[in-house]
């Protein structure tokens, strides 16, 4: 079970970090939007909080839920 959890943490962490950086970075359109949108980095912060909570036995379920929310947001955007 630990192997599955650590694999999930690795894959979801990379997924959330890459998509957070991509979504918060400058776009290719020449519009009046700000160059960097830091609100998308909040999902990575949410994932990190979930990661930290998973290290404590009592808060493990809450940590898993937070990491699933952060990763699920980007999965929903891709679908």
PDB file of N, CA and C in Angstrom:
ATOM      1  N   UNK A   1       0.816  -1.190   0.000  1.00  0.00           N
ATOM      2  CA  UNK A   1       0.000   0.000   0.000  1.00  0.00           C
ATOM      3  C   UNK A   1       0.864   1.259   0.000  1.00  0.00           C
ATOM      4  N   UNK A   2       2.009   1.195   0.690  1.00  0.00           N
ATOM      5  CA  UNK A   2       2.903   2.353   0.694  1.00  0.00           C
ATOM      6  C   UNK A   2       3.437   2.644  -0.698  1.00  0.00           C
ATOM      7  N   UNK A   3       3.719   1.596  -1.461  1.00  0.00           N
ATOM      8  CA  UNK A   3       4.231   1.785  -2.811  1.00  0.00           C
ATOM      9  C   UNK A   3       3.216   2.523  -3.681  1.00  0.00           C
ATOM     10  N   UNK A   4       1.954   2.155  -3.561  1.00  0.00           N
ATOM     11  CA  UNK A   4       0.909   2.809  -4.344  1.00  0.00           C
ATOM     12  C   UNK A   4       0.776   4.271  -3.927  1.00  0.00           C
ATOM     13  N   UNK A   5       0.816   4.532  -2.632  1.00  0.00           N
ATOM     14  CA  UNK A   5       0.695   5.909  -2.154  1.00  0.00           C
ATOM     15  C   UNK A   5       1.866   6.760  -2.603  1.00  0.00           C
ATOM     16  N   UNK A   6       3.084   6.239  -2.497  1.00  0.00           N
ATOM     17  CA  UNK A   6       4.247   7.020  -2.912  1.00  0.00           C
ATOM     18  C   UNK A   6       4.285   7.220  -4.418  1.00  0.00           C
ATOM     19  N   UNK A   7       3.827   6.239  -5.170  1.00  0.00           N
ATOM     20  CA  UNK A   7       3.742   6.403  -6.621  1.00  0.00           C
ATOM     21  C   UNK A   7       2.719   7.476  -6.962  1.00  0.00           C
ATOM     22  N   UNK A   8       1.565   7.448  -6.280  1.00  0.00           N
ATOM     23  CA  UNK A   8       0.550   8.476  -6.489  1.00  0.00           C
ATOM     24  C   UNK A   8       1.108   9.863  -6.158  1.00  0.00           C
ATOM     25  N   UNK A   9       1.836   9.970  -5.053  1.00  0.00           N
ATOM     26  CA  UNK A   9       2.397  11.264  -4.668  1.00  0.00           C
ATOM     27  C   UNK A   9       3.394  11.771  -5.698  1.00  0.00           C
ATOM     28  N   UNK A  10       4.213  10.891  -6.199  1.00  0.00           N
ATOM     29  CA  UNK A  10       5.201  11.289  -7.194  1.00  0.00           C
ATOM     30  C   UNK A  10       4.529  11.747  -8.487  1.00  0.00           C
ATOM     31  N   UNK A  11       3.634  10.946  -9.009  1.00  0.00           N
ATOM     32  CA  UNK A  11       2.992  11.277 -10.282  1.00  0.00           C
ATOM     33  C   UNK A  11       2.079  12.494 -10.161  1.00  0.00           C
ATOM     34  N   UNK A  12       1.286  12.551  -9.117  1.00  0.00           N
ATOM     35  CA  UNK A  12       0.382  13.692  -8.980  1.00  0.00           C
ATOM     36  C   UNK A  12       1.156  14.973  -8.687  1.00  0.00           C
ATOM     37  N   UNK A  13       2.241  14.887  -7.947  1.00  0.00           N
ATOM     38  CA  UNK A  13       3.044  16.070  -7.656  1.00  0.00           C
ATOM     39  C   UNK A  13       3.686  16.655  -8.898  1.00  0.00           C
ATOM     40  N   UNK A  14       4.234  15.793  -9.727  1.00  0.00           N
ATOM     41  CA  UNK A  14       4.830  16.265 -10.985  1.00  0.00           C
ATOM     42  C   UNK A  14       3.748  16.847 -11.883  1.00  0.00           C
ATOM     43  N   UNK A  15       2.605  16.162 -11.963  1.00  0.00           N
ATOM     44  CA  UNK A  15       1.486  16.623 -12.789  1.00  0.00           C
ATOM     45  C   UNK A  15       1.008  18.011 -12.350  1.00  0.00           C
ATOM     46  N   UNK A  16       0.774  18.181 -11.065  1.00  0.00           N
ATOM     47  CA  UNK A  16       0.261  19.449 -10.547  1.00  0.00           C
ATOM     48  C   UNK A  16       1.310  20.545 -10.690  1.00  0.00           C
ATOM     49  N   UNK A  17       2.560  20.248 -10.429  1.00  0.00           N
ATOM     50  CA  UNK A  17       3.606  21.269 -10.552  1.00  0.00           C
ATOM     51  C   UNK A  17       3.759  21.733 -11.990  1.00  0.00           C
ATOM     52  N   UNK A  18       3.824  20.814 -12.933  1.00  0.00           N
ATOM     53  CA  UNK A  18       3.997  21.199 -14.332  1.00  0.00           C
ATOM     54  C   UNK A  18       2.807  22.000 -14.851  1.00  0.00           C
ATOM     55  N   UNK A  19       1.611  21.543 -14.561  1.00  0.00           N
ATOM     56  CA  UNK A  19       0.446  22.281 -15.039  1.00  0.00           C
ATOM     57  C   UNK A  19       0.268  23.605 -14.306  1.00  0.00           C
ATOM     58  N   UNK A  20       0.646  23.686 -13.040  1.00  0.00           N
ATOM     59  CA  UNK A  20       0.575  24.960 -12.328  1.00  0.00           C
ATOM     60  C   UNK A  20       1.549  25.962 -12.928  1.00  0.00           C
ATOM     61  N   UNK A  21       2.749  25.508 -13.233  1.00  0.00           N
ATOM     62  CA  UNK A  21       3.723  26.405 -13.864  1.00  0.00           C
ATOM     63  C   UNK A  21       3.266  26.833 -15.252  1.00  0.00           C
ATOM     64  N   UNK A  22       2.698  25.899 -15.999  1.00  0.00           N
ATOM     65  CA  UNK A  22       2.235  26.213 -17.344  1.00  0.00           C
ATOM     66  C   UNK A  22       1.068  27.200 -17.322  1.00  0.00           C
ATOM     67  N   UNK A  23       0.111  26.966 -16.428  1.00  0.00           N
ATOM     68  CA  UNK A  23      -1.056  27.839 -16.370  1.00  0.00           C
ATOM     69  C   UNK A  23      -0.719  29.210 -15.769  1.00  0.00           C
ATOM     70  N   UNK A  24       0.268  29.292 -14.911  1.00  0.00           N
ATOM     71  CA  UNK A  24       0.590  30.576 -14.289  1.00  0.00           C
ATOM     72  C   UNK A  24       1.568  31.391 -15.120  1.00  0.00           C
ATOM     73  N   UNK A  25       2.195  30.769 -16.082  1.00  0.00           N
ATOM     74  CA  UNK A  25       3.173  31.464 -16.901  1.00  0.00           C
ATOM     75  C   UNK A  25       2.543  32.394 -17.919  1.00  0.00           C
ATOM     76  N   UNK A  26       3.385  33.134 -18.627  1.00  0.00           N
ATOM     77  CA  UNK A  26       2.855  34.058 -19.631  1.00  0.00           C
ATOM     78  C   UNK A  26       2.255  33.287 -20.805  1.00  0.00           C
ATOM     79  N   UNK A  27       1.183  33.783 -21.327  1.00  0.00           N
ATOM     80  CA  UNK A  27       0.550  33.158 -22.486  1.00  0.00           C
ATOM     81  C   UNK A  27       1.199  33.613 -23.776  1.00  0.00           C
ATOM     82  N   UNK A  28       0.739  33.067 -24.877  1.00  0.00           N
ATOM     83  CA  UNK A  28       1.315  33.451 -26.166  1.00  0.00           C
ATOM     84  C   UNK A  28       0.513  34.555 -26.838  1.00  0.00           C
ATOM     85  N   UNK A  29      -0.666  34.862 -26.313  1.00  0.00           N
ATOM     86  CA  UNK A  29      -1.504  35.901 -26.908  1.00  0.00           C
ATOM     87  C   UNK A  29      -1.040  37.276 -26.448  1.00  0.00           C
ATOM     88  N   UNK A  30      -1.201  38.253 -27.332  1.00  0.00           N
ATOM     89  CA  UNK A  30      -0.842  39.623 -26.985  1.00  0.00           C
ATOM     90  C   UNK A  30      -2.094  40.353 -26.523  1.00  0.00           C
ATOM     91  N   UNK A  31      -2.438  40.120 -25.263  1.00  0.00           N
ATOM     92  CA  UNK A  31      -3.622  40.753 -24.687  1.00  0.00           C
ATOM     93  C   UNK A  31      -3.221  41.516 -23.436  1.00  0.00           C
ATOM     94  N   UNK A  32      -4.220  42.059 -22.769  1.00  0.00           N
ATOM     95  CA  UNK A  32      -3.961  42.842 -21.559  1.00  0.00           C
ATOM     96  C   UNK A  32      -3.906  41.987 -20.304  1.00  0.00           C
ATOM     97  N   UNK A  33      -3.854  40.685 -20.443  1.00  0.00           N
ATOM     98  CA  UNK A  33      -3.774  39.835 -19.259  1.00  0.00           C
ATOM     99  C   UNK A  33      -2.416  39.997 -18.605  1.00  0.00           C
ATOM    100  N   UNK A  34      -2.364  39.865 -17.287  1.00  0.00           N
ATOM    101  CA  UNK A  34      -1.062  39.990 -16.615  1.00  0.00           C
ATOM    102  C   UNK A  34      -0.092  38.907 -17.074  1.00  0.00           C
ATOM    103  N   UNK A  35       1.188  39.208 -16.976  1.00  0.00           N
ATOM    104  CA  UNK A  35       2.198  38.286 -17.486  1.00  0.00           C
ATOM    105  C   UNK A  35       2.224  36.978 -16.702  1.00  0.00           C
ATOM    106  N   UNK A  36       2.093  37.066 -15.393  1.00  0.00           N
ATOM    107  CA  UNK A  36       2.091  35.855 -14.567  1.00  0.00           C
ATOM    108  C   UNK A  36       0.843  35.844 -13.700  1.00  0.00           C
ATOM    109  N   UNK A  37       0.173  34.703 -13.665  1.00  0.00           N
ATOM    110  CA  UNK A  37      -1.047  34.549 -12.866  1.00  0.00           C
ATOM    111  C   UNK A  37      -0.736  33.572 -11.737  1.00  0.00           C
ATOM    112  N   UNK A  38      -0.492  34.119 -10.565  1.00  0.00           N
ATOM    113  CA  UNK A  38      -0.043  33.296  -9.436  1.00  0.00           C
ATOM    114  C   UNK A  38      -1.164  32.489  -8.807  1.00  0.00           C
ATOM    115  N   UNK A  39      -2.430  32.775  -9.141  1.00  0.00           N
ATOM    116  CA  UNK A  39      -3.514  32.016  -8.522  1.00  0.00           C
ATOM    117  C   UNK A  39      -3.472  30.542  -8.920  1.00  0.00           C
ATOM    118  N   UNK A  40      -2.882  30.220 -10.042  1.00  0.00           N
ATOM    119  CA  UNK A  40      -2.770  28.810 -10.423  1.00  0.00           C
ATOM    120  C   UNK A  40      -1.711  28.083  -9.595  1.00  0.00           C
ATOM    121  N   UNK A  41      -0.785  28.791  -9.008  1.00  0.00           N
ATOM    122  CA  UNK A  41       0.203  28.163  -8.130  1.00  0.00           C
ATOM    123  C   UNK A  41      -0.424  27.775  -6.788  1.00  0.00           C
ATOM    124  N   UNK A  42      -1.594  28.311  -6.482  1.00  0.00           N
ATOM    125  CA  UNK A  42      -2.274  27.934  -5.245  1.00  0.00           C
ATOM    126  C   UNK A  42      -2.663  26.457  -5.252  1.00  0.00           C
ATOM    127  N   UNK A  43      -2.931  25.898  -6.425  1.00  0.00           N
ATOM    128  CA  UNK A  43      -3.231  24.466  -6.492  1.00  0.00           C
ATOM    129  C   UNK A  43      -2.013  23.633  -6.114  1.00  0.00           C
ATOM    130  N   UNK A  44      -0.818  24.092  -6.481  1.00  0.00           N
ATOM    131  CA  UNK A  44       0.385  23.381  -6.069  1.00  0.00           C
ATOM    132  C   UNK A  44       0.586  23.513  -4.565  1.00  0.00           C
ATOM    133  N   UNK A  45       0.283  24.673  -4.024  1.00  0.00           N
ATOM    134  CA  UNK A  45       0.365  24.859  -2.572  1.00  0.00           C
ATOM    135  C   UNK A  45      -0.627  23.933  -1.872  1.00  0.00           C
ATOM    136  N   UNK A  46      -1.830  23.796  -2.436  1.00  0.00           N
ATOM    137  CA  UNK A  46      -2.811  22.868  -1.888  1.00  0.00           C
ATOM    138  C   UNK A  46      -2.292  21.442  -1.926  1.00  0.00           C
ATOM    139  N   UNK A  47      -1.639  21.076  -3.024  1.00  0.00           N
ATOM    140  CA  UNK A  47      -1.071  19.731  -3.131  1.00  0.00           C
ATOM    141  C   UNK A  47       0.016  19.530  -2.082  1.00  0.00           C
ATOM    142  N   UNK A  48       0.864  20.530  -1.865  1.00  0.00           N
ATOM    143  CA  UNK A  48       1.939  20.421  -0.869  1.00  0.00           C
ATOM    144  C   UNK A  48       1.355  20.252   0.532  1.00  0.00           C
ATOM    145  N   UNK A  49       0.293  20.985   0.837  1.00  0.00           N
ATOM    146  CA  UNK A  49      -0.358  20.832   2.147  1.00  0.00           C
ATOM    147  C   UNK A  49      -0.895  19.412   2.290  1.00  0.00           C
ATOM    148  N   UNK A  50      -1.513  18.886   1.239  1.00  0.00           N
ATOM    149  CA  UNK A  50      -1.993  17.514   1.269  1.00  0.00           C
ATOM    150  C   UNK A  50      -0.867  16.516   1.448  1.00  0.00           C
ATOM    151  N   UNK A  51       0.257  16.782   0.814  1.00  0.00           N
ATOM    152  CA  UNK A  51       1.433  15.918   0.950  1.00  0.00           C
ATOM    153  C   UNK A  51       1.922  15.895   2.391  1.00  0.00           C
ATOM    154  N   UNK A  52       2.005  17.062   3.001  1.00  0.00           N
ATOM    155  CA  UNK A  52       2.477  17.152   4.385  1.00  0.00           C
ATOM    156  C   UNK A  52       1.503  16.450   5.333  1.00  0.00           C
ATOM    157  N   UNK A  53       0.207  16.611   5.079  1.00  0.00           N
ATOM    158  CA  UNK A  53      -0.777  15.977   5.946  1.00  0.00           C
ATOM    159  C   UNK A  53      -0.742  14.459   5.832  1.00  0.00           C
ATOM    160  N   UNK A  54      -0.333  13.937   4.692  1.00  0.00           N
ATOM    161  CA  UNK A  54      -0.264  12.487   4.534  1.00  0.00           C
ATOM    162  C   UNK A  54       0.853  11.856   5.351  1.00  0.00           C
ATOM    163  N   UNK A  55       1.801  12.628   5.780  1.00  0.00           N
ATOM    164  CA  UNK A  55       2.910  12.078   6.562  1.00  0.00           C
ATOM    165  C   UNK A  55       2.500  11.781   8.004  1.00  0.00           C
ATOM    166  N   UNK A  56       1.383  12.345   8.462  1.00  0.00           N
ATOM    167  CA  UNK A  56       0.884  12.062   9.813  1.00  0.00           C
ATOM    168  C   UNK A  56      -0.255  11.056   9.701  1.00  0.00           C
ATOM    169  N   UNK A  57      -0.218  10.063  10.528  1.00  0.00           N
ATOM    170  CA  UNK A  57      -1.196   8.966  10.454  1.00  0.00           C
ATOM    171  C   UNK A  57      -2.640   9.445  10.640  1.00  0.00           C
ATOM    172  N   UNK A  58      -2.855  10.377  11.547  1.00  0.00           N
ATOM    173  CA  UNK A  58      -4.210  10.837  11.841  1.00  0.00           C
ATOM    174  C   UNK A  58      -4.805  11.666  10.707  1.00  0.00           C
ATOM    175  N   UNK A  59      -3.997  12.354   9.950  1.00  0.00           N
ATOM    176  CA  UNK A  59      -4.475  13.282   8.908  1.00  0.00           C
ATOM    177  C   UNK A  59      -4.291  12.733   7.495  1.00  0.00           C
ATOM    178  N   UNK A  60      -4.006  11.459   7.362  1.00  0.00           N
ATOM    179  CA  UNK A  60      -3.691  10.867   6.063  1.00  0.00           C
ATOM    180  C   UNK A  60      -4.844  10.972   5.066  1.00  0.00           C
ATOM    181  N   UNK A  61      -6.074  10.721   5.525  1.00  0.00           N
ATOM    182  CA  UNK A  61      -7.229  10.757   4.619  1.00  0.00           C
ATOM    183  C   UNK A  61      -7.459  12.173   4.092  1.00  0.00           C
ATOM    184  N   UNK A  62      -7.337  13.168   4.959  1.00  0.00           N
ATOM    185  CA  UNK A  62      -7.482  14.553   4.528  1.00  0.00           C
ATOM    186  C   UNK A  62      -6.395  14.924   3.516  1.00  0.00           C
ATOM    187  N   UNK A  63      -5.177  14.466   3.735  1.00  0.00           N
ATOM    188  CA  UNK A  63      -4.086  14.722   2.793  1.00  0.00           C
ATOM    189  C   UNK A  63      -4.338  14.098   1.440  1.00  0.00           C
ATOM    190  N   UNK A  64      -4.869  12.882   1.429  1.00  0.00           N
ATOM    191  CA  UNK A  64      -5.171  12.220   0.156  1.00  0.00           C
ATOM    192  C   UNK A  64      -6.262  12.985  -0.580  1.00  0.00           C
ATOM    193  N   UNK A  65      -7.272  13.443   0.148  1.00  0.00           N
ATOM    194  CA  UNK A  65      -8.353  14.203  -0.476  1.00  0.00           C
ATOM    195  C   UNK A  65      -7.820  15.494  -1.091  1.00  0.00           C
ATOM    196  N   UNK A  66      -6.933  16.188  -0.401  1.00  0.00           N
ATOM    197  CA  UNK A  66      -6.383  17.438  -0.929  1.00  0.00           C
ATOM    198  C   UNK A  66      -5.529  17.205  -2.169  1.00  0.00           C
ATOM    199  N   UNK A  67      -4.734  16.150  -2.178  1.00  0.00           N
ATOM    200  CA  UNK A  67      -3.930  15.886  -3.368  1.00  0.00           C
ATOM    201  C   UNK A  67      -4.803  15.460  -4.543  1.00  0.00           C
ATOM    202  N   UNK A  68      -5.882  14.744  -4.271  1.00  0.00           N
ATOM    203  CA  UNK A  68      -6.796  14.349  -5.351  1.00  0.00           C
ATOM    204  C   UNK A  68      -7.520  15.575  -5.916  1.00  0.00           C
ATOM    205  N   UNK A  69      -7.899  16.516  -5.059  1.00  0.00           N
ATOM    206  CA  UNK A  69      -8.561  17.734  -5.541  1.00  0.00           C
ATOM    207  C   UNK A  69      -7.630  18.516  -6.461  1.00  0.00           C
ATOM    208  N   UNK A  70      -6.386  18.700  -6.046  1.00  0.00           N
ATOM    209  CA  UNK A  70      -5.446  19.473  -6.856  1.00  0.00           C
ATOM    210  C   UNK A  70      -5.164  18.789  -8.191  1.00  0.00           C
ATOM    211  N   UNK A  71      -4.930  17.480  -8.177  1.00  0.00           N
ATOM    212  CA  UNK A  71      -4.662  16.759  -9.421  1.00  0.00           C
ATOM    213  C   UNK A  71      -5.924  16.622 -10.254  1.00  0.00           C
ATOM    214  N   UNK A  72      -7.058  16.423  -9.610  1.00  0.00           N
ATOM    215  CA  UNK A  72      -8.312  16.272 -10.335  1.00  0.00           C
ATOM    216  C   UNK A  72      -8.727  17.523 -11.086  1.00  0.00           C
ATOM    217  N   UNK A  73      -8.359  18.686 -10.586  1.00  0.00           N
ATOM    218  CA  UNK A  73      -8.674  19.926 -11.278  1.00  0.00           C
ATOM    219  C   UNK A  73      -8.020  19.950 -12.658  1.00  0.00           C
ATOM    220  N   UNK A  74      -6.754  19.594 -12.725  1.00  0.00           N
ATOM    221  CA  UNK A  74      -6.059  19.601 -14.011  1.00  0.00           C
ATOM    222  C   UNK A  74      -6.494  18.458 -14.909  1.00  0.00           C
ATOM    223  N   UNK A  75      -6.862  17.340 -14.317  1.00  0.00           N
ATOM    224  CA  UNK A  75      -7.409  16.229 -15.125  1.00  0.00           C
ATOM    225  C   UNK A  75      -8.722  16.680 -15.758  1.00  0.00           C
ATOM    226  N   UNK A  76      -9.564  17.371 -14.988  1.00  0.00           N
ATOM    227  CA  UNK A  76     -10.833  17.862 -15.531  1.00  0.00           C
ATOM    228  C   UNK A  76     -10.601  18.882 -16.649  1.00  0.00           C
ATOM    229  N   UNK A  77      -9.581  19.704 -16.516  1.00  0.00           N
ATOM    230  CA  UNK A  77      -9.271  20.659 -17.587  1.00  0.00           C
ATOM    231  C   UNK A  77      -8.815  19.943 -18.857  1.00  0.00           C
ATOM    232  N   UNK A  78      -8.085  18.861 -18.700  1.00  0.00           N
ATOM    233  CA  UNK A  78      -7.603  18.138 -19.865  1.00  0.00           C
ATOM    234  C   UNK A  78      -8.720  17.388 -20.572  1.00  0.00           C
ATOM    235  N   UNK A  79      -9.691  16.904 -19.810  1.00  0.00           N
ATOM    236  CA  UNK A  79     -10.799  16.147 -20.404  1.00  0.00           C
ATOM    237  C   UNK A  79     -11.732  17.131 -21.044  1.00  0.00           C
TER     238      UNK A  79
END
